[in-house]
């Protein structure tokens, strides 16, 4: 729930966050994993989560 970008092994890349169209796999199970109809909800939610996480990383 922190909008972090993950490696193939599931570990998070340090200080790299994603939201909106860059967050593949959110609404589909394939590599393309992004459905345009869900774009606004995904962008708003993950944008918020990424902002909260970024603020925590700055502390």
Protein backbone atom coordinates (compact mmCIF):
# COMPACT_ATOMS: atom_id res chain seq x y z
CA UNK A 1 0.00 0.00 0.00
CA UNK A 2 2.93 2.40 -0.29
CA UNK A 3 3.04 2.71 -4.11
CA UNK A 4 6.58 1.30 -4.17
CA UNK A 5 8.12 -0.15 -7.33
CA UNK A 6 9.01 -3.82 -6.86
CA UNK A 7 11.72 -5.99 -8.37
CA UNK A 8 10.82 -9.36 -9.89
CA UNK A 9 11.64 -11.02 -6.55
CA UNK A 10 9.11 -8.78 -4.76
CA UNK A 11 11.58 -6.55 -2.93
CA UNK A 12 11.13 -2.80 -3.18
CA UNK A 13 13.50 -0.57 -5.12
CA UNK A 14 14.74 2.14 -2.74
CA UNK A 15 13.12 5.57 -3.09
CA UNK A 16 11.19 4.67 -6.28
CA UNK A 17 7.40 5.11 -6.26
CA UNK A 18 4.79 4.73 -9.01
CA UNK A 19 1.20 5.72 -9.66
CA UNK A 20 -1.30 5.99 -12.50
CA UNK A 21 -0.24 4.45 -15.80
CA UNK A 22 3.22 3.65 -14.47
CA UNK A 23 1.77 1.27 -11.90
CA UNK A 24 1.40 -1.83 -14.08
CA UNK A 25 -0.28 -4.89 -12.65
CA UNK A 26 -2.83 -2.94 -10.62
CA UNK A 27 -5.89 -3.76 -12.73
CA UNK A 28 -4.77 -6.75 -14.76
CA UNK A 29 -2.83 -9.95 -14.36
CA UNK A 30 -0.62 -9.68 -17.44
CA UNK A 31 2.55 -7.68 -18.02
CA UNK A 32 0.51 -4.87 -19.61
CA UNK A 33 -1.76 -4.93 -16.52
CA UNK A 34 -3.31 -1.47 -16.95
CA UNK A 35 -6.90 -0.84 -17.98
CA UNK A 36 -7.53 2.73 -19.11
CA UNK A 37 -11.01 2.79 -17.59
CA UNK A 38 -9.47 2.49 -14.15
CA UNK A 39 -6.89 5.20 -14.80
CA UNK A 40 -8.39 8.05 -12.81
CA UNK A 41 -9.02 5.98 -9.69
CA UNK A 42 -5.58 4.39 -9.87
CA UNK A 43 -3.84 7.72 -10.47
CA UNK A 44 -5.64 9.47 -7.61
CA UNK A 45 -5.22 6.65 -5.09
CA UNK A 46 -1.64 5.70 -5.86
CA UNK A 47 -0.66 9.34 -6.30
CA UNK A 48 -1.89 9.99 -2.77
CA UNK A 49 -0.18 6.86 -1.39
CA UNK A 50 3.07 7.75 -3.16
CA UNK A 51 2.91 11.25 -1.66
CA UNK A 52 2.41 9.89 1.85
CA UNK A 53 5.28 7.44 1.39
CA UNK A 54 7.57 10.14 -0.05
CA UNK A 55 6.85 12.37 2.95
CA UNK A 56 7.76 9.52 5.31
CA UNK A 57 11.01 8.90 3.42
CA UNK A 58 12.00 12.56 3.89
CA UNK A 59 11.68 12.41 7.68
